[in-house]
Amino acid sequence: MLIVLSPAKRLDFEPQSLHKVTSKPELLSSSKKLIAQLRELSPKHLGKLMSVSDHLADEVHSYFADWKAKYDTATAKQALLAFRGDVYLGLDADSFSTKDFEFAQQHLRILSGLYGVLRPLDLIQPYRLEMGTKLSGDHGKDLYAFWEDRISKTIDKALAGQGDEVLINLASNEYFKSVQAKNLNCRVVTPVFTDRNPKGEYKVMSFFAKKARGLMARHIIRGQIDEEAGIRKFRTAGYKYDREQSTDDKPVFTRDKPPAT
């Protein structure tokens, strides 16, 4: 069983000593090609392309200028510890044990606009490049065209290495689109997290659903779960499995009282 997550815009590259093992991104040669293209763009062009402020565009421009194909922990950090945000708040990798990291390295993949697919302990450098970015070039009109089927092939390879055929999709629609699910040699299971609103209706609320996806990933990793039945035992933060609303490929988890925001 393999989990896929989206990355996060917010990054933390402060030094940490939680886990000393590191690995190298599998599609780094493709990342180098993207960096070469991105370095040709001015901060103004990057700001327009990514719809960010001038200040942030300058920062992103410096990220690409400083990026190196060869690097170490002095300038990089493991992906699972570098990404921050709602999903990673729920995942809380800072509290992982050595066994948790080992399981995550085998059973978790993070989708990325720059790196394609990342394992949790892959070293990454500061960057910002969302998968939906319309970066055109010889490859086509956007990053989906750039990555073609390399992401799906990498996912299939990871599943084959486990001898499994189940992918747990905990990524956003923007990022999961890059996986090209129709090309995968596996079943895709997409957990759905809903909260009860003031009208008594159960709806997917983005803010809560993001954290819930991280909580589910944590549930799988900490529990060393490698069978679908284990997913349905998720009982965290008030969520519970709803058999009536669920299907085999879309298990639904409901919560009656979301926390105050």
Foldseek 3Di string as FASTA:
>chain_A
DAEEAEFALAWDLDDDPQDDDADAQPQLVLLVVVLVLLLVDDLVRQCVQVVHDSVVSVVQNVQSVPDDSDDDSVAWFFRLRTTDDQLSVLQVCSPDDPQLLVLQQLHYWYADLRRGIHGRRHIDGDHDDFQQGQDADPQGGGSLSSCPQVNLVVVQVSCVVVVAAEYEYLYDPSRVVSNVVVPHRHAYAYEAEWEQDPVRDTDRDPSVSSNVSSNLVNQCSVVVDDDPVSSQPDCPQQWHWDPVPADPRYTYIYHYDHDDD
